[in-house]
Amino acid sequence: MKKLAFAAALALSTVMAHADRAVDEIYPRSCGVCHAAGVAGAPKTGDAAAWQARADAKGGIDNLIGSVKVGLNAMPPRGMCNDCTDSEYKTLIEYMMKGA
């Protein structure tokens, strides 16, 4: 019985470790550091036109995610969120495109 409980707890912790986090949990300590104020030419959160222009130039959000992963201009690789999933990056980009 103890082995089964341990296995179930381990499986649950593995699932929880890979569950996407909420934007308000990730944004302030990652993307928001630069995008809230437009540091070094970063498009500001909520500037839909600037974000749409970048998405169009890159060929869509999926390609913006690729830019985040390798870094772009002053943005370091993974954009200060080294543990973000692609799904979380997409959610963050969509959030910044719309604004708070």
PDB file of N, CA and C in Angstrom:
ATOM      1  N   MET A   1       0.819  -1.196   0.000  1.00  0.00           N
ATOM      2  CA  MET A   1       0.000   0.000   0.000  1.00  0.00           C
ATOM      3  C   MET A   1       0.863   1.260   0.000  1.00  0.00           C
ATOM      4  N   LYS A   2       1.966   1.230   0.794  1.00  0.00           N
ATOM      5  CA  LYS A   2       2.848   2.386   0.844  1.00  0.00           C
ATOM      6  C   LYS A   2       3.500   2.632  -0.507  1.00  0.00           C
ATOM      7  N   LYS A   3       3.858   1.553  -1.217  1.00  0.00           N
ATOM      8  CA  LYS A   3       4.471   1.703  -2.540  1.00  0.00           C
ATOM      9  C   LYS A   3       3.500   2.341  -3.514  1.00  0.00           C
ATOM     10  N   LEU A   4       2.258   1.953  -3.463  1.00  0.00           N
ATOM     11  CA  LEU A   4       1.243   2.523  -4.348  1.00  0.00           C
ATOM     12  C   LEU A   4       1.032   4.007  -4.043  1.00  0.00           C
ATOM     13  N   ALA A   5       0.974   4.359  -2.787  1.00  0.00           N
ATOM     14  CA  ALA A   5       0.797   5.763  -2.399  1.00  0.00           C
ATOM     15  C   ALA A   5       1.998   6.592  -2.845  1.00  0.00           C
ATOM     16  N   PHE A   6       3.195   6.053  -2.690  1.00  0.00           N
ATOM     17  CA  PHE A   6       4.404   6.761  -3.124  1.00  0.00           C
ATOM     18  C   PHE A   6       4.398   6.956  -4.638  1.00  0.00           C
ATOM     19  N   ALA A   7       4.038   5.912  -5.371  1.00  0.00           N
ATOM     20  CA  ALA A   7       3.995   6.004  -6.833  1.00  0.00           C
ATOM     21  C   ALA A   7       2.965   7.038  -7.278  1.00  0.00           C
ATOM     22  N   ALA A   8       1.813   7.064  -6.624  1.00  0.00           N
ATOM     23  CA  ALA A   8       0.777   8.041  -6.971  1.00  0.00           C
ATOM     24  C   ALA A   8       1.252   9.464  -6.666  1.00  0.00           C
ATOM     25  N   ALA A   9       1.914   9.657  -5.535  1.00  0.00           N
ATOM     26  CA  ALA A   9       2.427  10.978  -5.180  1.00  0.00           C
ATOM     27  C   ALA A   9       3.502  11.425  -6.153  1.00  0.00           C
ATOM     28  N   LEU A  10       4.353  10.507  -6.554  1.00  0.00           N
ATOM     29  CA  LEU A  10       5.405  10.824  -7.516  1.00  0.00           C
ATOM     30  C   LEU A  10       4.805  11.204  -8.868  1.00  0.00           C
ATOM     31  N   ALA A  11       3.827  10.456  -9.313  1.00  0.00           N
ATOM     32  CA  ALA A  11       3.175  10.764 -10.590  1.00  0.00           C
ATOM     33  C   ALA A  11       2.487  12.130 -10.524  1.00  0.00           C
ATOM     34  N   LEU A  12       1.813  12.432  -9.437  1.00  0.00           N
ATOM     35  CA  LEU A  12       1.132  13.711  -9.292  1.00  0.00           C
ATOM     36  C   LEU A  12       2.132  14.860  -9.267  1.00  0.00           C
ATOM     37  N   SER A  13       3.246  14.682  -8.566  1.00  0.00           N
ATOM     38  CA  SER A  13       4.240  15.756  -8.513  1.00  0.00           C
ATOM     39  C   SER A  13       4.863  15.986  -9.882  1.00  0.00           C
ATOM     40  N   THR A  14       5.021  14.948 -10.672  1.00  0.00           N
ATOM     41  CA  THR A  14       5.558  15.084 -12.018  1.00  0.00           C
ATOM     42  C   THR A  14       4.576  15.852 -12.897  1.00  0.00           C
ATOM     43  N   VAL A  15       3.299  15.547 -12.805  1.00  0.00           N
ATOM     44  CA  VAL A  15       2.276  16.258 -13.575  1.00  0.00           C
ATOM     45  C   VAL A  15       2.222  17.717 -13.136  1.00  0.00           C
ATOM     46  N   MET A  16       2.251  17.958 -11.849  1.00  0.00           N
ATOM     47  CA  MET A  16       2.178  19.327 -11.339  1.00  0.00           C
ATOM     48  C   MET A  16       3.399  20.138 -11.763  1.00  0.00           C
ATOM     49  N   ALA A  17       4.558  19.507 -11.846  1.00  0.00           N
ATOM     50  CA  ALA A  17       5.775  20.212 -12.244  1.00  0.00           C
ATOM     51  C   ALA A  17       5.690  20.678 -13.692  1.00  0.00           C
ATOM     52  N   HIS A  18       4.897  19.997 -14.500  1.00  0.00           N
ATOM     53  CA  HIS A  18       4.794  20.334 -15.915  1.00  0.00           C
ATOM     54  C   HIS A  18       3.510  21.085 -16.264  1.00  0.00           C
ATOM     55  N   ALA A  19       2.682  21.379 -15.268  1.00  0.00           N
ATOM     56  CA  ALA A  19       1.456  22.128 -15.528  1.00  0.00           C
ATOM     57  C   ALA A  19       1.810  23.590 -15.796  1.00  0.00           C
ATOM     58  N   ASP A  20       1.136  24.185 -16.753  1.00  0.00           N
ATOM     59  CA  ASP A  20       1.379  25.590 -17.068  1.00  0.00           C
ATOM     60  C   ASP A  20       0.966  26.471 -15.900  1.00  0.00           C
ATOM     61  N   ARG A  21       1.787  27.463 -15.659  1.00  0.00           N
ATOM     62  CA  ARG A  21       1.518  28.427 -14.593  1.00  0.00           C
ATOM     63  C   ARG A  21       0.735  29.600 -15.164  1.00  0.00           C
ATOM     64  N   ALA A  22       0.113  30.345 -14.276  1.00  0.00           N
ATOM     65  CA  ALA A  22      -0.666  31.508 -14.685  1.00  0.00           C
ATOM     66  C   ALA A  22       0.258  32.644 -15.094  1.00  0.00           C
ATOM     67  N   VAL A  23      -0.210  33.470 -16.022  1.00  0.00           N
ATOM     68  CA  VAL A  23       0.565  34.615 -16.504  1.00  0.00           C
ATOM     69  C   VAL A  23       0.982  35.512 -15.345  1.00  0.00           C
ATOM     70  N   ASP A  24       0.067  35.779 -14.433  1.00  0.00           N
ATOM     71  CA  ASP A  24       0.399  36.700 -13.338  1.00  0.00           C
ATOM     72  C   ASP A  24       1.465  36.148 -12.399  1.00  0.00           C
ATOM     73  N   GLU A  25       1.721  34.859 -12.476  1.00  0.00           N
ATOM     74  CA  GLU A  25       2.797  34.243 -11.698  1.00  0.00           C
ATOM     75  C   GLU A  25       4.149  34.411 -12.407  1.00  0.00           C
ATOM     76  N   ILE A  26       4.144  34.332 -13.735  1.00  0.00           N
ATOM     77  CA  ILE A  26       5.392  34.339 -14.506  1.00  0.00           C
ATOM     78  C   ILE A  26       5.785  35.737 -14.992  1.00  0.00           C
ATOM     79  N   TYR A  27       4.837  36.479 -15.527  1.00  0.00           N
ATOM     80  CA  TYR A  27       5.120  37.751 -16.198  1.00  0.00           C
ATOM     81  C   TYR A  27       5.961  38.731 -15.388  1.00  0.00           C
ATOM     82  N   PRO A  28       5.620  39.020 -14.124  1.00  0.00           N
ATOM     83  CA  PRO A  28       6.368  40.054 -13.395  1.00  0.00           C
ATOM     84  C   PRO A  28       7.863  39.758 -13.245  1.00  0.00           C
ATOM     85  N   ARG A  29       8.230  38.489 -13.137  1.00  0.00           N
ATOM     86  CA  ARG A  29       9.631  38.145 -12.922  1.00  0.00           C
ATOM     87  C   ARG A  29      10.368  37.769 -14.205  1.00  0.00           C
ATOM     88  N   SER A  30       9.668  37.798 -15.310  1.00  0.00           N
ATOM     89  CA  SER A  30      10.316  37.435 -16.574  1.00  0.00           C
ATOM     90  C   SER A  30      10.074  38.527 -17.606  1.00  0.00           C
ATOM     91  N   CYS A  31       9.112  38.357 -18.460  1.00  0.00           N
ATOM     92  CA  CYS A  31       8.824  39.291 -19.554  1.00  0.00           C
ATOM     93  C   CYS A  31       8.599  40.721 -19.076  1.00  0.00           C
ATOM     94  N   GLY A  32       7.889  40.857 -17.962  1.00  0.00           N
ATOM     95  CA  GLY A  32       7.544  42.179 -17.456  1.00  0.00           C
ATOM     96  C   GLY A  32       8.734  43.031 -17.094  1.00  0.00           C
ATOM     97  N   VAL A  33       9.860  42.401 -16.802  1.00  0.00           N
ATOM     98  CA  VAL A  33      11.059  43.153 -16.430  1.00  0.00           C
ATOM     99  C   VAL A  33      11.414  44.164 -17.524  1.00  0.00           C
ATOM    100  N   CYS A  34      11.283  43.779 -18.768  1.00  0.00           N
ATOM    101  CA  CYS A  34      11.617  44.675 -19.886  1.00  0.00           C
ATOM    102  C   CYS A  34      10.389  45.187 -20.633  1.00  0.00           C
ATOM    103  N   HIS A  35       9.409  44.309 -20.853  1.00  0.00           N
ATOM    104  CA  HIS A  35       8.279  44.681 -21.703  1.00  0.00           C
ATOM    105  C   HIS A  35       7.290  45.635 -21.035  1.00  0.00           C
ATOM    106  N   ALA A  36       7.268  45.701 -19.717  1.00  0.00           N
ATOM    107  CA  ALA A  36       6.362  46.641 -19.049  1.00  0.00           C
ATOM    108  C   ALA A  36       6.734  48.083 -19.381  1.00  0.00           C
ATOM    109  N   ALA A  37       8.041  48.344 -19.503  1.00  0.00           N
ATOM    110  CA  ALA A  37       8.499  49.718 -19.762  1.00  0.00           C
ATOM    111  C   ALA A  37       9.111  49.900 -21.146  1.00  0.00           C
ATOM    112  N   GLY A  38       9.244  48.841 -21.904  1.00  0.00           N
ATOM    113  CA  GLY A  38       9.842  48.948 -23.232  1.00  0.00           C
ATOM    114  C   GLY A  38      11.355  49.119 -23.197  1.00  0.00           C
ATOM    115  N   VAL A  39      12.000  48.461 -22.258  1.00  0.00           N
ATOM    116  CA  VAL A  39      13.451  48.557 -22.099  1.00  0.00           C
ATOM    117  C   VAL A  39      14.169  48.111 -23.373  1.00  0.00           C
ATOM    118  N   ALA A  40      15.154  48.875 -23.790  1.00  0.00           N
ATOM    119  CA  ALA A  40      16.021  48.554 -24.933  1.00  0.00           C
ATOM    120  C   ALA A  40      15.232  48.290 -26.220  1.00  0.00           C
ATOM    121  N   GLY A  41      14.117  48.985 -26.370  1.00  0.00           N
ATOM    122  CA  GLY A  41      13.328  48.846 -27.589  1.00  0.00           C
ATOM    123  C   GLY A  41      12.367  47.672 -27.603  1.00  0.00           C
ATOM    124  N   ALA A  42      12.216  46.991 -26.471  1.00  0.00           N
ATOM    125  CA  ALA A  42      11.261  45.879 -26.390  1.00  0.00           C
ATOM    126  C   ALA A  42       9.848  46.423 -26.578  1.00  0.00           C
ATOM    127  N   PRO A  43       9.004  45.728 -27.344  1.00  0.00           N
ATOM    128  CA  PRO A  43       7.623  46.206 -27.478  1.00  0.00           C
ATOM    129  C   PRO A  43       6.929  46.160 -26.118  1.00  0.00           C
ATOM    130  N   LYS A  44       6.223  47.226 -25.796  1.00  0.00           N
ATOM    131  CA  LYS A  44       5.567  47.312 -24.497  1.00  0.00           C
ATOM    132  C   LYS A  44       4.334  46.414 -24.434  1.00  0.00           C
ATOM    133  N   THR A  45       4.110  45.894 -23.259  1.00  0.00           N
ATOM    134  CA  THR A  45       2.898  45.124 -23.014  1.00  0.00           C
ATOM    135  C   THR A  45       1.698  46.025 -23.283  1.00  0.00           C
ATOM    136  N   GLY A  46       0.785  45.536 -24.082  1.00  0.00           N
ATOM    137  CA  GLY A  46      -0.422  46.282 -24.416  1.00  0.00           C
ATOM    138  C   GLY A  46      -0.344  47.078 -25.699  1.00  0.00           C
ATOM    139  N   ASP A  47       0.839  47.169 -26.297  1.00  0.00           N
ATOM    140  CA  ASP A  47       0.989  47.888 -27.571  1.00  0.00           C
ATOM    141  C   ASP A  47       0.689  46.897 -28.696  1.00  0.00           C
ATOM    142  N   ALA A  48      -0.591  46.715 -28.946  1.00  0.00           N
ATOM    143  CA  ALA A  48      -1.040  45.697 -29.895  1.00  0.00           C
ATOM    144  C   ALA A  48      -0.426  45.877 -31.277  1.00  0.00           C
ATOM    145  N   ALA A  49      -0.292  47.113 -31.734  1.00  0.00           N
ATOM    146  CA  ALA A  49       0.260  47.354 -33.075  1.00  0.00           C
ATOM    147  C   ALA A  49       1.714  46.909 -33.163  1.00  0.00           C
ATOM    148  N   ALA A  50       2.503  47.222 -32.134  1.00  0.00           N
ATOM    149  CA  ALA A  50       3.922  46.821 -32.140  1.00  0.00           C
ATOM    150  C   ALA A  50       4.061  45.306 -32.103  1.00  0.00           C
ATOM    151  N   TRP A  51       3.234  44.670 -31.284  1.00  0.00           N
ATOM    152  CA  TRP A  51       3.298  43.211 -31.194  1.00  0.00           C
ATOM    153  C   TRP A  51       2.830  42.546 -32.489  1.00  0.00           C
ATOM    154  N   GLN A  52       1.768  43.073 -33.064  1.00  0.00           N
ATOM    155  CA  GLN A  52       1.264  42.485 -34.307  1.00  0.00           C
ATOM    156  C   GLN A  52       2.293  42.625 -35.419  1.00  0.00           C
ATOM    157  N   ALA A  53       2.969  43.761 -35.477  1.00  0.00           N
ATOM    158  CA  ALA A  53       4.019  43.958 -36.485  1.00  0.00           C
ATOM    159  C   ALA A  53       5.128  42.930 -36.308  1.00  0.00           C
ATOM    160  N   ARG A  54       5.499  42.651 -35.075  1.00  0.00           N
ATOM    161  CA  ARG A  54       6.549  41.641 -34.827  1.00  0.00           C
ATOM    162  C   ARG A  54       6.063  40.253 -35.184  1.00  0.00           C
ATOM    163  N   ALA A  55       4.835  39.947 -34.814  1.00  0.00           N
ATOM    164  CA  ALA A  55       4.285  38.631 -35.146  1.00  0.00           C
ATOM    165  C   ALA A  55       4.214  38.449 -36.655  1.00  0.00           C
ATOM    166  N   ASP A  56       3.780  39.490 -37.362  1.00  0.00           N
ATOM    167  CA  ASP A  56       3.693  39.423 -38.823  1.00  0.00           C
ATOM    168  C   ASP A  56       5.070  39.260 -39.450  1.00  0.00           C
ATOM    169  N   ALA A  57       6.045  40.006 -38.950  1.00  0.00           N
ATOM    170  CA  ALA A  57       7.402  39.952 -39.499  1.00  0.00           C
ATOM    171  C   ALA A  57       8.047  38.585 -39.269  1.00  0.00           C
ATOM    172  N   LYS A  58       7.709  37.953 -38.155  1.00  0.00           N
ATOM    173  CA  LYS A  58       8.292  36.644 -37.830  1.00  0.00           C
ATOM    174  C   LYS A  58       7.480  35.490 -38.397  1.00  0.00           C
ATOM    175  N   GLY A  59       6.270  35.764 -38.865  1.00  0.00           N
ATOM    176  CA  GLY A  59       5.441  34.689 -39.402  1.00  0.00           C
ATOM    177  C   GLY A  59       4.542  34.041 -38.370  1.00  0.00           C
ATOM    178  N   GLY A  60       4.211  34.773 -37.307  1.00  0.00           N
ATOM    179  CA  GLY A  60       3.265  34.274 -36.320  1.00  0.00           C
ATOM    180  C   GLY A  60       3.854  34.076 -34.939  1.00  0.00           C
ATOM    181  N   ILE A  61       2.968  33.777 -34.008  1.00  0.00           N
ATOM    182  CA  ILE A  61       3.372  33.616 -32.611  1.00  0.00           C
ATOM    183  C   ILE A  61       4.348  32.460 -32.436  1.00  0.00           C
ATOM    184  N   ASP A  62       4.140  31.363 -33.136  1.00  0.00           N
ATOM    185  CA  ASP A  62       5.051  30.224 -32.978  1.00  0.00           C
ATOM    186  C   ASP A  62       6.489  30.615 -33.306  1.00  0.00           C
ATOM    187  N   ASN A  63       6.674  31.479 -34.285  1.00  0.00           N
ATOM    188  CA  ASN A  63       8.018  31.928 -34.619  1.00  0.00           C
ATOM    189  C   ASN A  63       8.541  32.943 -33.598  1.00  0.00           C
ATOM    190  N   LEU A  64       7.647  33.710 -32.971  1.00  0.00           N
ATOM    191  CA  LEU A  64       8.074  34.577 -31.878  1.00  0.00           C
ATOM    192  C   LEU A  64       8.604  33.739 -30.715  1.00  0.00           C
ATOM    193  N   ILE A  65       7.961  32.614 -30.468  1.00  0.00           N
ATOM    194  CA  ILE A  65       8.428  31.705 -29.421  1.00  0.00           C
ATOM    195  C   ILE A  65       9.851  31.253 -29.728  1.00  0.00           C
ATOM    196  N   GLY A  66      10.137  30.974 -30.989  1.00  0.00           N
ATOM    197  CA  GLY A  66      11.492  30.604 -31.385  1.00  0.00           C
ATOM    198  C   GLY A  66      12.487  31.709 -31.083  1.00  0.00           C
ATOM    199  N   SER A  67      12.089  32.952 -31.307  1.00  0.00           N
ATOM    200  CA  SER A  67      12.963  34.088 -31.002  1.00  0.00           C
ATOM    201  C   SER A  67      13.225  34.192 -29.504  1.00  0.00           C
ATOM    202  N   VAL A  68      12.192  33.942 -28.716  1.00  0.00           N
ATOM    203  CA  VAL A  68      12.363  33.973 -27.262  1.00  0.00           C
ATOM    204  C   VAL A  68      13.385  32.922 -26.839  1.00  0.00           C
ATOM    205  N   LYS A  69      13.279  31.748 -27.395  1.00  0.00           N
ATOM    206  CA  LYS A  69      14.143  30.645 -26.973  1.00  0.00           C
ATOM    207  C   LYS A  69      15.623  30.885 -27.290  1.00  0.00           C
ATOM    208  N   VAL A  70      15.907  31.580 -28.355  1.00  0.00           N
ATOM    209  CA  VAL A  70      17.317  31.826 -28.717  1.00  0.00           C
ATOM    210  C   VAL A  70      17.782  33.222 -28.329  1.00  0.00           C
ATOM    211  N   GLY A  71      16.841  34.100 -27.987  1.00  0.00           N
ATOM    212  CA  GLY A  71      17.172  35.483 -27.654  1.00  0.00           C
ATOM    213  C   GLY A  71      17.075  36.356 -28.887  1.00  0.00           C
ATOM    214  N   LEU A  72      16.893  37.644 -28.665  1.00  0.00           N
ATOM    215  CA  LEU A  72      16.750  38.578 -29.782  1.00  0.00           C
ATOM    216  C   LEU A  72      17.183  39.956 -29.311  1.00  0.00           C
ATOM    217  N   ASN A  73      18.132  40.542 -30.020  1.00  0.00           N
ATOM    218  CA  ASN A  73      18.668  41.853 -29.653  1.00  0.00           C
ATOM    219  C   ASN A  73      19.124  41.818 -28.194  1.00  0.00           C
ATOM    220  N   ALA A  74      18.574  42.667 -27.332  1.00  0.00           N
ATOM    221  CA  ALA A  74      19.003  42.708 -25.933  1.00  0.00           C
ATOM    222  C   ALA A  74      18.357  41.617 -25.078  1.00  0.00           C
ATOM    223  N   MET A  75      17.350  40.919 -25.616  1.00  0.00           N
ATOM    224  CA  MET A  75      16.672  39.875 -24.847  1.00  0.00           C
ATOM    225  C   MET A  75      17.549  38.625 -24.778  1.00  0.00           C
ATOM    226  N   PRO A  76      17.819  38.149 -23.559  1.00  0.00           N
ATOM    227  CA  PRO A  76      18.623  36.938 -23.435  1.00  0.00           C
ATOM    228  C   PRO A  76      17.834  35.710 -23.874  1.00  0.00           C
ATOM    229  N   PRO A  77      18.530  34.617 -24.199  1.00  0.00           N
ATOM    230  CA  PRO A  77      17.821  33.379 -24.527  1.00  0.00           C
ATOM    231  C   PRO A  77      16.838  33.011 -23.416  1.00  0.00           C
ATOM    232  N   ARG A  78      15.682  32.596 -23.818  1.00  0.00           N
ATOM    233  CA  ARG A  78      14.572  32.176 -22.971  1.00  0.00           C
ATOM    234  C   ARG A  78      13.945  33.352 -22.221  1.00  0.00           C
ATOM    235  N   GLY A  79      14.340  34.584 -22.568  1.00  0.00           N
ATOM    236  CA  GLY A  79      13.682  35.782 -22.082  1.00  0.00           C
ATOM    237  C   GLY A  79      13.504  35.879 -20.584  1.00  0.00           C
ATOM    238  N   MET A  80      14.459  35.444 -19.819  1.00  0.00           N
ATOM    239  CA  MET A  80      14.440  35.497 -18.356  1.00  0.00           C
ATOM    240  C   MET A  80      13.446  34.526 -17.735  1.00  0.00           C
ATOM    241  N   CYS A  81      12.986  33.555 -18.497  1.00  0.00           N
ATOM    242  CA  CYS A  81      12.136  32.489 -17.954  1.00  0.00           C
ATOM    243  C   CYS A  81      12.707  31.159 -18.435  1.00  0.00           C
ATOM    244  N   ASN A  82      13.759  30.732 -17.779  1.00  0.00           N
ATOM    245  CA  ASN A  82      14.462  29.518 -18.209  1.00  0.00           C
ATOM    246  C   ASN A  82      13.649  28.248 -18.051  1.00  0.00           C
ATOM    247  N   ASP A  83      12.621  28.280 -17.225  1.00  0.00           N
ATOM    248  CA  ASP A  83      11.825  27.076 -17.009  1.00  0.00           C
ATOM    249  C   ASP A  83      10.445  27.141 -17.657  1.00  0.00           C
ATOM    250  N   CYS A  84      10.208  28.141 -18.506  1.00  0.00           N
ATOM    251  CA  CYS A  84       8.914  28.244 -19.194  1.00  0.00           C
ATOM    252  C   CYS A  84       8.786  27.183 -20.284  1.00  0.00           C
ATOM    253  N   THR A  85       7.564  26.717 -20.452  1.00  0.00           N
ATOM    254  CA  THR A  85       7.247  25.801 -21.545  1.00  0.00           C
ATOM    255  C   THR A  85       6.858  26.627 -22.774  1.00  0.00           C
ATOM    256  N   ASP A  86       6.821  25.994 -23.932  1.00  0.00           N
ATOM    257  CA  ASP A  86       6.361  26.691 -25.139  1.00  0.00           C
ATOM    258  C   ASP A  86       4.944  27.218 -24.949  1.00  0.00           C
ATOM    259  N   SER A  87       4.122  26.451 -24.282  1.00  0.00           N
ATOM    260  CA  SER A  87       2.744  26.859 -24.032  1.00  0.00           C
ATOM    261  C   SER A  87       2.711  28.112 -23.144  1.00  0.00           C
ATOM    262  N   GLU A  88       3.568  28.154 -22.146  1.00  0.00           N
ATOM    263  CA  GLU A  88       3.626  29.341 -21.290  1.00  0.00           C
ATOM    264  C   GLU A  88       4.139  30.549 -22.063  1.00  0.00           C
ATOM    265  N   TYR A  89       5.158  30.343 -22.922  1.00  0.00           N
ATOM    266  CA  TYR A  89       5.635  31.454 -23.757  1.00  0.00           C
ATOM    267  C   TYR A  89       4.510  31.989 -24.636  1.00  0.00           C
ATOM    268  N   LYS A  90       3.743  31.091 -25.217  1.00  0.00           N
ATOM    269  CA  LYS A  90       2.639  31.520 -26.084  1.00  0.00           C
ATOM    270  C   LYS A  90       1.617  32.333 -25.278  1.00  0.00           C
ATOM    271  N   THR A  91       1.282  31.848 -24.106  1.00  0.00           N
ATOM    272  CA  THR A  91       0.336  32.566 -23.258  1.00  0.00           C
ATOM    273  C   THR A  91       0.876  33.934 -22.871  1.00  0.00           C
ATOM    274  N   LEU A  92       2.157  34.013 -22.547  1.00  0.00           N
ATOM    275  CA  LEU A  92       2.785  35.289 -22.194  1.00  0.00           C
ATOM    276  C   LEU A  92       2.760  36.264 -23.375  1.00  0.00           C
ATOM    277  N   ILE A  93       3.098  35.778 -24.560  1.00  0.00           N
ATOM    278  CA  ILE A  93       3.094  36.646 -25.745  1.00  0.00           C
ATOM    279  C   ILE A  93       1.676  37.144 -26.020  1.00  0.00           C
ATOM    280  N   GLU A  94       0.697  36.272 -25.952  1.00  0.00           N
ATOM    281  CA  GLU A  94      -0.684  36.677 -26.170  1.00  0.00           C
ATOM    282  C   GLU A  94      -1.110  37.711 -25.129  1.00  0.00           C
ATOM    283  N   TYR A  95      -0.682  37.537 -23.906  1.00  0.00           N
ATOM    284  CA  TYR A  95      -0.982  38.501 -22.844  1.00  0.00           C
ATOM    285  C   TYR A  95      -0.358  39.861 -23.162  1.00  0.00           C
ATOM    286  N   MET A  96       0.901  39.858 -23.603  1.00  0.00           N
ATOM    287  CA  MET A  96       1.562  41.120 -23.896  1.00  0.00           C
ATOM    288  C   MET A  96       0.957  41.788 -25.121  1.00  0.00           C
ATOM    289  N   MET A  97       0.460  41.004 -26.060  1.00  0.00           N
ATOM    290  CA  MET A  97      -0.188  41.571 -27.240  1.00  0.00           C
ATOM    291  C   MET A  97      -1.470  42.298 -26.863  1.00  0.00           C
ATOM    292  N   LYS A  98      -2.197  41.767 -25.897  1.00  0.00           N
ATOM    293  CA  LYS A  98      -3.473  42.362 -25.472  1.00  0.00           C
ATOM    294  C   LYS A  98      -3.274  43.423 -24.410  1.00  0.00           C
ATOM    295  N   GLY A  99      -2.334  43.213 -23.540  1.00  0.00           N
ATOM    296  CA  GLY A  99      -2.137  44.133 -22.425  1.00  0.00           C
ATOM    297  C   GLY A  99      -2.852  43.667 -21.183  1.00  0.00           C
ATOM    298  N   ALA A 100      -2.561  44.333 -20.111  1.00  0.00           N
ATOM    299  CA  ALA A 100      -3.118  43.934 -18.802  1.00  0.00           C
ATOM    300  C   ALA A 100      -4.586  44.265 -18.719  1.00  0.00           C
TER     301      ALA A 100
END
